[in-house]
N, C-alpha and C. Protein backbone atom coordinates (compact mmCIF):
# COMPACT_ATOMS: atom_id res chain seq x y z
N UNK A 1 0.99 -0.89 0.00
CA UNK A 1 -0.22 -0.17 -0.30
C UNK A 1 0.91 1.16 -0.02
N UNK A 2 0.65 2.14 -0.77
CA UNK A 2 1.67 3.07 -1.20
C UNK A 2 1.22 4.47 -0.21
N UNK A 3 0.03 4.42 0.16
CA UNK A 3 -0.05 5.85 0.62
C UNK A 3 -0.20 5.44 2.48
N UNK A 4 -0.28 4.22 2.77
CA UNK A 4 0.29 4.11 4.21
C UNK A 4 -0.34 4.78 5.13
N UNK A 5 0.34 5.66 6.38
CA UNK A 5 -0.66 6.48 7.37
C UNK A 5 -1.39 7.46 6.98
N UNK A 6 -0.82 8.09 5.65
CA UNK A 6 -1.30 9.60 4.83
C UNK A 6 -2.71 8.89 3.87
N UNK A 7 -3.05 7.62 4.13
CA UNK A 7 -4.42 7.26 3.83
C UNK A 7 -5.60 8.11 3.90
N UNK A 8 -5.50 8.33 5.32
CA UNK A 8 -6.92 8.73 5.73
C UNK A 8 -7.12 10.22 5.60
N UNK A 9 -6.16 10.64 5.46
CA UNK A 9 -5.87 12.15 5.05
C UNK A 9 -5.84 12.43 3.41
N UNK A 10 -5.47 11.77 2.98
CA UNK A 10 -5.71 11.93 1.50
C UNK A 10 -7.26 11.36 1.28
N UNK A 11 -7.76 10.67 1.60
CA UNK A 11 -9.24 10.08 1.45
C UNK A 11 -10.40 11.47 1.83
N UNK A 12 -9.97 11.76 2.89
CA UNK A 12 -10.78 12.55 3.35
C UNK A 12 -10.93 13.85 2.44
N UNK A 13 -9.71 14.75 2.10
CA UNK A 13 -9.35 15.70 0.99
C UNK A 13 -9.93 15.14 -0.15
N UNK A 14 -9.92 13.85 -0.75
CA UNK A 14 -10.49 13.65 -2.03
C UNK A 14 -11.74 13.55 -1.74
N UNK A 15 -12.32 13.50 -0.64
CA UNK A 15 -14.16 13.06 -0.66
C UNK A 15 -14.29 14.91 -0.59
N UNK A 16 -13.50 16.01 -0.33
CA UNK A 16 -14.33 16.83 -0.50
C UNK A 16 -13.89 17.33 -1.96
N UNK A 17 -13.33 16.93 -3.09
CA UNK A 17 -13.23 17.31 -4.22
C UNK A 17 -11.84 17.78 -4.39
N UNK A 18 -10.88 17.65 -3.30
CA UNK A 18 -8.92 18.48 -3.45
C UNK A 18 -8.56 17.67 -4.61
N UNK A 19 -8.07 18.54 -5.76
CA UNK A 19 -7.46 17.92 -6.88
C UNK A 19 -6.29 17.04 -6.46
N UNK A 20 -5.49 17.64 -5.59
CA UNK A 20 -3.99 16.86 -5.09
C UNK A 20 -4.49 15.30 -4.72
N UNK A 21 -5.63 15.35 -3.77
CA UNK A 21 -5.49 13.86 -3.46
C UNK A 21 -6.20 13.04 -4.32
N UNK A 22 -7.53 13.39 -5.28
CA UNK A 22 -7.98 12.52 -6.28
C UNK A 22 -6.54 12.03 -7.18
N UNK A 23 -5.60 13.31 -7.88
CA UNK A 23 -4.56 12.96 -8.41
C UNK A 23 -3.74 11.88 -7.71
N UNK A 24 -3.46 11.81 -6.14
CA UNK A 24 -2.89 10.88 -5.41
C UNK A 24 -3.40 9.46 -5.32
N UNK A 25 -4.53 9.35 -5.33
CA UNK A 25 -5.31 8.36 -5.11
C UNK A 25 -5.29 7.35 -6.58
N UNK A 26 -5.27 8.43 -7.75
CA UNK A 26 -5.22 7.76 -8.98
C UNK A 26 -4.13 7.25 -9.33
N UNK A 27 -2.97 7.98 -9.17
CA UNK A 27 -1.27 7.58 -9.27
C UNK A 27 -1.02 6.25 -8.64
N UNK A 28 -1.79 6.00 -7.19
CA UNK A 28 -1.64 5.02 -6.46
C UNK A 28 -2.09 3.55 -7.39
N UNK A 29 -2.92 3.77 -7.57
CA UNK A 29 -3.78 2.57 -8.21
C UNK A 29 -3.73 2.51 -9.86
N UNK A 30 -3.44 3.19 -10.60
CA UNK A 30 -3.68 3.65 -11.90
C UNK A 30 -3.46 2.61 -12.90
N UNK A 31 -1.84 2.48 -12.20
CA UNK A 31 -1.15 1.44 -12.89
C UNK A 31 -1.80 -0.07 -13.29
N UNK A 32 -1.77 -0.15 -11.72
CA UNK A 32 -2.22 -1.74 -11.21
C UNK A 32 -3.52 -1.96 -11.98
N UNK A 33 -4.51 -1.04 -11.83
CA UNK A 33 -5.78 -1.15 -12.78
C UNK A 33 -5.47 -1.36 -14.01
N UNK A 34 -4.89 -0.44 -14.76
CA UNK A 34 -4.63 -1.03 -16.27
C UNK A 34 -4.18 -1.95 -16.42
N UNK A 35 -3.23 -2.33 -15.60
CA UNK A 35 -2.32 -3.74 -16.09
C UNK A 35 -3.34 -4.92 -15.85
N UNK A 36 -3.92 -4.93 -15.14
CA UNK A 36 -5.28 -5.86 -14.77
C UNK A 36 -6.50 -5.91 -15.76
N UNK A 37 -6.41 -4.62 -16.12
CA UNK A 37 -7.73 -4.67 -17.37
C UNK A 37 -7.00 -5.30 -18.84
N UNK A 38 -5.78 -5.17 -18.92
CA UNK A 38 -5.33 -5.21 -20.17
C UNK A 38 -5.03 -7.23 -19.59
N UNK A 39 -4.37 -7.62 -19.13
CA UNK A 39 -4.51 -8.89 -18.87
C UNK A 39 -5.61 -9.75 -18.50
N UNK A 40 -6.59 -9.28 -18.15
CA UNK A 40 -8.21 -9.47 -18.69
C UNK A 40 -8.41 -9.25 -20.04
N UNK A 41 -7.89 -8.70 -20.88
CA UNK A 41 -8.13 -8.65 -22.22
C UNK A 41 -9.43 -7.39 -22.62
N UNK A 42 -9.27 -6.54 -21.71
CA UNK A 42 -10.41 -5.16 -22.11
C UNK A 42 -9.73 -4.85 -23.57
N UNK A 43 -10.81 -4.63 -24.24
CA UNK A 43 -10.29 -3.95 -25.77
C UNK A 43 -9.75 -2.81 -25.35
N UNK A 44 -10.24 -2.07 -24.40
CA UNK A 44 -9.16 -0.69 -24.52
C UNK A 44 -9.37 -0.24 -23.16
N UNK A 45 -8.04 -0.68 -22.33
CA UNK A 45 -7.85 -0.99 -21.04
C UNK A 45 -8.03 0.40 -20.30
N UNK A 46 -7.26 1.04 -20.99
CA UNK A 46 -7.34 2.81 -20.65
C UNK A 46 -8.45 3.52 -20.44
N UNK A 47 -9.60 3.22 -21.36
CA UNK A 47 -10.89 3.89 -21.70
C UNK A 47 -11.82 3.06 -20.12
N UNK A 48 -11.66 1.80 -19.70
CA UNK A 48 -12.16 1.52 -19.10
C UNK A 48 -11.77 1.52 -17.54
N UNK A 49 -10.11 2.04 -17.30
CA UNK A 49 -9.76 2.15 -16.20
C UNK A 49 -10.61 3.59 -16.08
N UNK A 50 -10.21 4.68 -17.22
CA UNK A 50 -10.95 5.69 -16.83
C UNK A 50 -12.66 5.86 -16.31
N UNK A 51 -13.22 4.96 -16.94
CA UNK A 51 -14.61 5.22 -16.58
C UNK A 51 -14.32 4.44 -14.98
N UNK A 52 -13.76 3.54 -14.68
CA UNK A 52 -13.76 3.37 -13.29
C UNK A 52 -13.40 4.27 -12.44
N UNK A 53 -12.62 4.80 -12.87
CA UNK A 53 -12.02 5.73 -11.62
C UNK A 53 -13.02 7.04 -11.94
N UNK A 54 -13.68 7.38 -12.63
CA UNK A 54 -14.76 8.32 -12.55
C UNK A 54 -16.24 7.58 -11.35
N UNK A 55 -16.54 6.31 -11.68
CA UNK A 55 -17.11 5.84 -10.91
C UNK A 55 -17.07 5.82 -9.62
N UNK A 56 -15.21 5.39 -9.32
CA UNK A 56 -14.80 5.47 -7.85
C UNK A 56 -14.81 6.67 -7.14
N UNK A 57 -14.58 8.14 -8.12
CA UNK A 57 -14.48 9.49 -7.52
C UNK A 57 -15.66 9.84 -6.98
N UNK A 58 -16.95 9.35 -7.98
CA UNK A 58 -18.24 9.67 -7.82
C UNK A 58 -18.76 9.10 -6.51
N UNK A 59 -18.15 7.99 -6.44
CA UNK A 59 -18.56 7.25 -4.98
C UNK A 59 -17.77 7.28 -3.83
N UNK A 60 -16.77 7.76 -3.62
CA UNK A 60 -16.09 8.31 -2.44
C UNK A 60 -16.83 8.38 -0.99
N UNK A 61 -17.55 9.51 -1.19
CA UNK A 61 -18.36 9.50 0.31
C UNK A 61 -18.98 8.37 1.09
N UNK A 62 -19.16 7.28 0.10
CA UNK A 62 -19.88 6.03 0.65
C UNK A 62 -18.76 4.93 0.85
N UNK A 63 -17.67 5.09 0.83
CA UNK A 63 -16.50 4.26 1.14
C UNK A 63 -16.43 4.12 2.93
N UNK A 64 -16.20 3.37 3.34
CA UNK A 64 -15.71 3.33 4.76
C UNK A 64 -14.80 1.89 4.68
N UNK A 65 -13.61 2.32 5.43
CA UNK A 65 -12.46 1.42 5.59
C UNK A 65 -11.38 1.59 5.83
N UNK A 66 -10.59 0.92 5.55
CA UNK A 66 -8.86 1.15 5.54
C UNK A 66 -8.26 1.14 4.17
N UNK A 67 -7.10 1.41 3.68
CA UNK A 67 -6.64 1.35 2.66
C UNK A 67 -6.41 -0.04 1.80
N UNK A 68 -6.65 -1.02 2.56
CA UNK A 68 -6.73 -2.29 1.97
C UNK A 68 -8.21 -2.45 1.65
N UNK A 69 -9.02 -2.10 2.15
CA UNK A 69 -10.29 -2.18 1.84
C UNK A 69 -10.39 -1.53 0.76
N UNK A 70 -10.11 -0.03 0.86
CA UNK A 70 -10.17 0.86 -0.48
C UNK A 70 -9.71 -0.10 -1.57
N UNK A 71 -8.58 -0.55 -1.93
CA UNK A 71 -8.11 -1.38 -2.94
C UNK A 71 -8.87 -2.34 -3.26
N UNK A 72 -9.42 -3.12 -2.33
CA UNK A 72 -10.74 -4.15 -2.64
C UNK A 72 -12.00 -3.48 -3.22
N UNK A 73 -12.11 -2.48 -2.80
CA UNK A 73 -13.46 -2.03 -2.90
C UNK A 73 -13.34 -1.10 -4.74
N UNK A 74 -11.89 -0.48 -4.79
CA UNK A 74 -11.40 -0.31 -6.18
C UNK A 74 -11.95 -1.30 -7.18
N UNK A 75 -11.25 -2.41 -6.75
CA UNK A 75 -11.05 -3.54 -7.89
C UNK A 75 -12.41 -3.98 -7.80
N UNK A 76 -13.32 -4.01 -6.88
CA UNK A 76 -14.95 -4.41 -6.99
C UNK A 76 -15.20 -3.34 -8.29
N UNK A 77 -14.91 -2.32 -8.13
CA UNK A 77 -15.53 -1.46 -9.17
C UNK A 77 -15.06 -1.57 -10.36
N UNK A 78 -13.78 -2.01 -10.84
CA UNK A 78 -13.34 -2.38 -11.79
C UNK A 78 -13.44 -3.54 -12.72
N UNK A 79 -13.58 -4.42 -11.77
CA UNK A 79 -14.35 -5.59 -12.31
C UNK A 79 -15.45 -5.63 -13.31
N UNK A 80 -16.58 -5.05 -12.36
CA UNK A 80 -17.98 -4.41 -12.85
C UNK A 80 -18.06 -3.95 -13.96
N UNK A 81 -16.80 -3.06 -13.84
CA UNK A 81 -16.61 -1.81 -15.23
C UNK A 81 -16.25 -2.66 -16.50
N UNK A 82 -15.21 -3.73 -16.22
CA UNK A 82 -14.89 -4.82 -17.40
C UNK A 82 -15.75 -5.91 -17.73
N UNK A 83 -16.54 -5.78 -16.98
CA UNK A 83 -18.04 -6.81 -17.45
C UNK A 83 -18.68 -5.91 -18.03
N UNK A 84 -19.34 -4.67 -17.45
CA UNK A 84 -20.16 -3.66 -18.33
C UNK A 84 -19.62 -3.85 -19.92
N UNK A 85 -17.75 -3.37 -20.13
CA UNK A 85 -17.28 -3.49 -21.30
C UNK A 85 -17.35 -4.46 -21.92
N UNK A 86 -17.49 -5.73 -21.52
CA UNK A 86 -17.78 -7.00 -22.37
C UNK A 86 -19.26 -7.38 -23.02
N UNK A 87 -19.89 -6.59 -21.94
CA UNK A 87 -21.82 -6.83 -22.59
C UNK A 87 -21.93 -5.76 -23.72
N UNK A 88 -21.28 -4.53 -23.51
CA UNK A 88 -21.39 -3.53 -24.29
C UNK A 88 -20.59 -4.38 -26.20
N UNK A 89 -19.81 -5.01 -25.98
CA UNK A 89 -18.98 -5.38 -27.18
C UNK A 89 -19.51 -6.57 -27.32
N UNK A 90 -20.48 -7.30 -26.60
CA UNK A 90 -21.17 -8.16 -27.01
C UNK A 90 -22.50 -7.56 -28.14
N UNK A 91 -23.16 -6.37 -27.81
CA UNK A 91 -24.15 -6.27 -28.48
C UNK A 91 -23.92 -4.70 -29.62
N UNK A 92 -22.76 -4.92 -29.89
CA UNK A 92 -22.23 -3.87 -30.98
C UNK A 92 -21.03 -4.63 -31.83
N UNK A 93 -21.27 -4.64 -33.11
CA UNK A 93 -20.59 -4.93 -33.93
C UNK A 93 -19.08 -4.56 -34.06
N UNK A 94 -18.02 -5.76 -34.39
CA UNK A 94 -16.29 -4.72 -34.14
C UNK A 94 -16.09 -4.41 -35.50
N UNK A 95 -15.59 -3.02 -35.38
CA UNK A 95 -15.20 -2.40 -36.57
C UNK A 95 -13.54 -2.11 -36.71
N UNK A 96 -13.06 -2.02 -37.47
CA UNK A 96 -11.56 -1.80 -37.34
C UNK A 96 -11.69 -0.10 -37.79
N UNK A 97 -10.63 0.50 -36.74
CA UNK A 97 -10.90 1.89 -37.03
C UNK A 97 -9.63 2.22 -37.82
N UNK A 98 -9.53 3.51 -38.22
CA UNK A 98 -8.12 3.96 -38.86
C UNK A 98 -7.07 4.01 -38.12
N UNK A 99 -7.15 4.55 -36.96
CA UNK A 99 -5.89 4.04 -35.84
C UNK A 99 -5.19 2.62 -36.00
N UNK A 100 -6.10 1.66 -35.70
CA UNK A 100 -5.84 0.36 -35.65
C UNK A 100 -5.50 -0.23 -37.12
N UNK A 101 -6.41 0.34 -38.39
CA UNK A 101 -5.73 -0.15 -39.72
C UNK A 101 -4.28 0.30 -39.87
N UNK A 102 -4.08 1.24 -39.84
CA UNK A 102 -2.51 2.30 -40.05
C UNK A 102 -2.21 2.45 -38.90
N UNK A 103 -1.79 2.11 -37.69
CA UNK A 103 -1.34 2.59 -36.61
C UNK A 103 0.47 2.93 -36.91
N UNK A 104 0.77 3.70 -36.54
CA UNK A 104 2.21 4.06 -37.03
C UNK A 104 3.08 4.01 -35.46
N UNK A 105 3.99 3.41 -35.50
CA UNK A 105 4.86 3.40 -34.05
C UNK A 105 5.55 4.72 -33.99
N UNK A 106 5.30 4.99 -32.98
CA UNK A 106 5.89 6.11 -31.92
C UNK A 106 6.67 6.23 -30.62
N UNK A 107 7.59 6.93 -30.58
CA UNK A 107 8.01 6.86 -29.54
C UNK A 107 9.23 5.50 -29.47
N UNK A 108 9.79 5.04 -28.35
CA UNK A 108 10.55 4.13 -28.62
C UNK A 108 10.08 2.74 -28.97
N UNK A 109 10.68 2.28 -30.68
CA UNK A 109 9.68 1.49 -31.28
C UNK A 109 9.93 0.04 -30.43
N UNK A 110 11.45 -0.25 -30.06
CA UNK A 110 11.76 -0.99 -29.42
C UNK A 110 11.17 -1.49 -27.72
N UNK A 111 10.98 -0.66 -27.34
CA UNK A 111 10.47 -0.82 -26.25
C UNK A 111 9.06 -1.24 -26.56
N UNK A 112 8.27 -0.51 -27.83
CA UNK A 112 6.77 -1.15 -27.45
C UNK A 112 6.93 -2.36 -28.05
N UNK A 113 7.67 -2.67 -28.77
CA UNK A 113 8.03 -4.06 -29.40
C UNK A 113 7.79 -5.09 -28.65
N UNK A 114 9.15 -4.71 -27.47
CA UNK A 114 9.29 -5.75 -26.49
C UNK A 114 8.31 -5.79 -25.35
N UNK A 115 7.42 -4.78 -24.96
CA UNK A 115 6.37 -4.96 -24.34
C UNK A 115 5.05 -5.69 -24.57
N UNK A 116 4.98 -5.57 -26.20
CA UNK A 116 3.66 -6.38 -26.82
C UNK A 116 4.02 -7.65 -26.87
N UNK A 117 5.37 -8.04 -27.17
CA UNK A 117 5.78 -9.31 -27.07
C UNK A 117 5.46 -9.96 -25.77
N UNK A 118 5.81 -9.32 -24.55
CA UNK A 118 5.61 -9.69 -23.35
C UNK A 118 4.39 -10.11 -23.13
N UNK A 119 3.76 -8.88 -23.48
CA UNK A 119 2.21 -9.01 -23.15
C UNK A 119 1.35 -10.29 -24.01
N UNK A 120 1.98 -10.61 -24.63
CA UNK A 120 1.48 -11.41 -25.82
C UNK A 120 1.30 -12.88 -25.23
N UNK A 121 3.09 -12.98 -24.86
CA UNK A 121 3.14 -14.35 -24.08
C UNK A 121 2.53 -14.43 -22.81
N UNK A 122 2.77 -13.28 -22.00
CA UNK A 122 1.61 -13.59 -20.94
C UNK A 122 0.32 -13.90 -21.18
N UNK A 123 -0.33 -13.10 -22.10
CA UNK A 123 -1.73 -13.20 -22.62
C UNK A 123 -1.79 -14.63 -22.95
N UNK A 124 -0.89 -15.66 -24.02
CA UNK A 124 -1.03 -17.29 -24.34
C UNK A 124 -0.77 -17.68 -22.39
N UNK A 125 -0.08 -17.55 -21.78
CA UNK A 125 0.04 -18.42 -20.88
C UNK A 125 -1.08 -18.27 -19.83
N UNK A 126 -1.82 -17.02 -19.89
CA UNK A 126 -2.70 -17.11 -19.04
C UNK A 126 -3.89 -17.89 -19.74
N UNK A 127 -4.38 -17.93 -20.95
CA UNK A 127 -5.10 -18.26 -21.88
C UNK A 127 -5.01 -19.97 -21.65
N UNK A 128 -3.70 -20.62 -21.04
CA UNK A 128 -3.95 -21.79 -20.69
C UNK A 128 -5.06 -21.97 -19.33
N UNK A 129 -5.19 -21.48 -18.50
CA UNK A 129 -6.36 -21.29 -17.45
C UNK A 129 -7.14 -21.30 -17.51
N UNK A 130 -8.18 -22.02 -16.54
CA UNK A 130 -9.79 -21.46 -16.91
C UNK A 130 -9.91 -20.16 -16.55
N UNK A 131 -11.11 -19.35 -16.98
CA UNK A 131 -11.57 -18.24 -16.59
C UNK A 131 -11.51 -18.08 -14.84
N UNK A 132 -11.81 -19.03 -14.20
CA UNK A 132 -11.79 -18.63 -12.69
C UNK A 132 -10.26 -18.22 -12.27
N UNK A 133 -9.69 -19.48 -12.56
CA UNK A 133 -8.10 -19.49 -12.27
C UNK A 133 -7.54 -18.23 -12.33
N UNK A 134 -7.93 -17.86 -13.45
CA UNK A 134 -7.21 -16.69 -14.18
C UNK A 134 -7.42 -15.12 -13.52
N UNK A 135 -8.58 -15.38 -13.37
CA UNK A 135 -9.44 -14.12 -12.55
C UNK A 135 -8.73 -14.11 -11.34
N UNK A 136 -8.67 -15.46 -10.83
CA UNK A 136 -8.27 -15.34 -9.46
C UNK A 136 -6.94 -15.00 -9.14
N UNK A 137 -5.85 -15.62 -10.02
CA UNK A 137 -4.46 -15.16 -10.18
C UNK A 137 -4.39 -13.37 -10.52
N UNK A 138 -4.89 -12.88 -11.27
CA UNK A 138 -4.99 -11.68 -11.29
C UNK A 138 -5.17 -10.62 -10.20
N UNK A 139 -6.26 -11.26 -9.61
CA UNK A 139 -6.59 -10.28 -8.40
C UNK A 139 -5.96 -10.60 -7.41
N UNK A 140 -5.35 -11.66 -6.92
CA UNK A 140 -4.35 -11.83 -6.09
C UNK A 140 -2.91 -11.32 -6.20
N UNK A 141 -2.17 -11.70 -7.39
CA UNK A 141 -1.14 -10.93 -7.83
C UNK A 141 -1.13 -9.66 -8.07
N UNK A 142 -1.66 -9.26 -9.45
CA UNK A 142 -1.90 -8.13 -9.87
C UNK A 142 -2.08 -6.88 -8.84
N UNK A 143 -3.46 -7.42 -8.72
CA UNK A 143 -4.05 -6.31 -7.53
C UNK A 143 -3.73 -6.45 -6.45
N UNK A 144 -2.75 -7.45 -5.94
CA UNK A 144 -2.57 -7.71 -4.38
C UNK A 144 -3.82 -7.70 -3.45
N UNK A 145 -4.47 -8.22 -3.70
CA UNK A 145 -5.80 -8.43 -2.84
C UNK A 145 -5.53 -9.80 -2.10
N UNK A 146 -6.43 -9.78 -0.91
CA UNK A 146 -6.42 -10.88 0.05
C UNK A 146 -7.63 -11.81 -0.72
N UNK A 147 -7.17 -13.28 0.07
CA UNK A 147 -8.37 -14.24 -0.61
C UNK A 147 -9.59 -13.75 -0.43
N UNK A 148 -10.09 -13.68 0.74
CA UNK A 148 -10.95 -12.64 1.23
C UNK A 148 -11.50 -11.75 0.60
N UNK A 149 -11.11 -11.13 0.28
CA UNK A 149 -11.40 -9.58 -1.05
C UNK A 149 -11.72 -10.27 -2.15
N UNK A 150 -10.72 -11.06 -3.02
CA UNK A 150 -10.84 -11.66 -4.32
C UNK A 150 -12.34 -12.41 -3.67
N UNK A 151 -12.54 -13.54 -2.87
CA UNK A 151 -13.85 -14.13 -2.62
C UNK A 151 -15.02 -13.04 -2.83
N UNK A 152 -14.90 -11.84 -1.83
CA UNK A 152 -16.10 -11.13 -1.95
C UNK A 152 -16.55 -10.41 -3.80
N UNK A 153 -15.20 -10.06 -4.29
CA UNK A 153 -15.59 -9.74 -5.52
C UNK A 153 -15.95 -10.69 -6.62
N UNK A 154 -15.56 -11.84 -6.31
CA UNK A 154 -16.09 -12.50 -7.32
C UNK A 154 -17.52 -13.52 -6.87
N UNK A 155 -17.90 -13.22 -5.71
CA UNK A 155 -18.90 -14.14 -5.21
C UNK A 155 -18.72 -15.72 -4.82
N UNK A 156 -17.65 -15.85 -4.40
CA UNK A 156 -16.86 -17.32 -4.22
C UNK A 156 -16.81 -17.23 -2.76
N UNK A 157 -16.59 -18.56 -2.23
CA UNK A 157 -16.15 -18.71 -0.84
C UNK A 157 -14.39 -18.62 -0.82
N UNK A 158 -13.93 -18.15 0.54
CA UNK A 158 -12.70 -18.16 0.22
C UNK A 158 -11.89 -19.25 0.06
N UNK A 159 -12.34 -20.35 0.42
CA UNK A 159 -12.05 -21.43 0.18
C UNK A 159 -11.76 -22.02 -0.96
N UNK A 160 -12.82 -21.99 -2.12
CA UNK A 160 -12.69 -21.77 -3.62
C UNK A 160 -11.97 -21.30 -3.89
N UNK A 161 -11.59 -19.78 -3.50
CA UNK A 161 -10.72 -19.01 -4.32
C UNK A 161 -9.17 -19.64 -3.93
N UNK A 162 -8.87 -20.02 -2.58
CA UNK A 162 -7.32 -20.86 -2.46
C UNK A 162 -7.72 -22.11 -3.59
N UNK A 163 -8.72 -22.90 -3.61
CA UNK A 163 -8.39 -23.92 -4.27
C UNK A 163 -7.59 -23.53 -6.15
N UNK A 164 -8.69 -22.43 -6.33
CA UNK A 164 -8.59 -21.90 -7.99
C UNK A 164 -6.75 -21.43 -7.73
N UNK A 165 -6.65 -20.43 -6.91
CA UNK A 165 -5.37 -20.08 -6.67
C UNK A 165 -4.34 -21.18 -6.90
N UNK A 166 -4.34 -22.40 -6.28
CA UNK A 166 -3.19 -23.41 -6.19
C UNK A 166 -3.47 -24.01 -7.43
N UNK A 167 -4.53 -24.45 -7.78
CA UNK A 167 -4.64 -24.94 -9.30
C UNK A 167 -4.04 -24.16 -10.43
N UNK A 168 -3.95 -22.71 -10.45
CA UNK A 168 -3.94 -22.12 -11.57
C UNK A 168 -2.38 -21.90 -11.29
N UNK A 169 -2.14 -21.88 -9.86
CA UNK A 169 -0.49 -21.70 -9.83
C UNK A 169 0.43 -23.13 -10.49
N UNK A 170 -0.48 -24.11 -10.04
CA UNK A 170 0.26 -25.74 -10.78
C UNK A 170 0.34 -25.63 -12.09
N UNK A 171 -1.13 -25.46 -12.68
CA UNK A 171 -1.03 -25.14 -13.93
C UNK A 171 0.23 -24.23 -14.90
N UNK A 172 0.17 -23.34 -14.74
CA UNK A 172 0.88 -22.51 -14.84
C UNK A 172 2.24 -22.68 -14.60
N UNK A 173 2.70 -23.32 -13.48
CA UNK A 173 4.53 -24.42 -13.11
C UNK A 173 4.62 -25.32 -14.28
N UNK A 174 3.37 -25.98 -14.73
CA UNK A 174 3.65 -27.18 -15.59
C UNK A 174 3.62 -26.50 -16.99
N UNK A 175 2.83 -25.54 -17.55
CA UNK A 175 3.07 -24.62 -18.56
C UNK A 175 4.58 -24.12 -18.72
N UNK A 176 5.24 -23.87 -17.42
CA UNK A 176 6.90 -23.26 -17.79
C UNK A 176 7.73 -24.17 -17.83
N UNK A 177 7.36 -25.46 -17.10
CA UNK A 177 8.49 -26.31 -17.18
C UNK A 177 8.53 -26.65 -18.34
N UNK A 178 7.08 -26.85 -18.90
CA UNK A 178 6.81 -27.72 -20.64
C UNK A 178 7.68 -26.60 -21.83
N UNK A 179 7.51 -25.86 -21.57
CA UNK A 179 8.00 -24.41 -22.35
C UNK A 179 9.69 -24.01 -22.22
N UNK A 180 9.99 -24.78 -20.58
CA UNK A 180 11.45 -24.05 -20.82
C UNK A 180 11.51 -22.97 -19.77
N UNK A 181 12.97 -22.40 -19.67
CA UNK A 181 12.52 -21.29 -18.81
C UNK A 181 12.09 -20.11 -19.39
N UNK A 182 12.31 -18.90 -18.67
CA UNK A 182 11.60 -17.53 -19.07
C UNK A 182 12.93 -17.03 -20.33
N UNK A 183 14.16 -17.57 -20.16
CA UNK A 183 15.44 -17.03 -20.81
C UNK A 183 15.08 -17.82 -22.14
N UNK A 184 14.71 -18.88 -22.31
CA UNK A 184 14.56 -19.58 -23.46
C UNK A 184 15.48 -20.89 -23.68
N UNK A 185 15.90 -20.77 -22.17
CA UNK A 185 16.68 -22.49 -22.59
C UNK A 185 15.66 -23.18 -22.14
N UNK A 186 15.92 -24.62 -22.58
CA UNK A 186 15.12 -25.62 -22.33
C UNK A 186 14.98 -26.02 -21.13
N UNK A 187 13.89 -26.55 -20.46
CA UNK A 187 13.73 -26.98 -19.02
C UNK A 187 15.21 -27.90 -18.33
N UNK A 188 15.88 -27.50 -17.64
CA UNK A 188 16.64 -28.44 -17.19
C UNK A 188 18.34 -28.35 -17.35
N UNK A 189 18.36 -27.14 -18.46
CA UNK A 189 19.44 -26.47 -19.00
C UNK A 189 20.18 -25.49 -18.00
N UNK A 190 21.42 -26.25 -17.13
CA UNK A 190 21.68 -25.90 -15.88
C UNK A 190 22.68 -24.76 -16.16
N UNK A 191 22.92 -24.04 -17.63
CA UNK A 191 23.76 -22.70 -17.77
C UNK A 191 23.50 -21.70 -17.19
């Protein structure tokens, strides 16, 4: 938790609409929220994150709890925004925009290429898991939520979350052993 002892003061100021406090809450969680959404396959993770933060900031007055409870509350809202985004996407046909068709690389091309390759590898490995295992692992690892928080978000019992996490990790371990190490060497290559 990045805010620590300052959390209560930042939250109180954010509830009054203080721009610095809203910015602080956003900066604390935006990267994690967007990463979670990307790994969950959001069509436009930045857009979904923006919608989620608007909802979060509008509802701040109704939140009660500490920083850990706040993080869980935020990811509950983010999870619901992702479900909403998927429902909207199912109702409208997919069309390719000019930006997607003629995308031109900008900035650090090498960095962008590595990010895309790493992202596709992670997506591929996560794709081997069941939807429930993937969701549990992302909420536990990326969002850094407790078993109880994940259970509340997903509407499952804590024991079921622990079992899904265990089976997901075991499945990932088997996948990595079959594929070899992350550096590209075959498994068992001791170099």
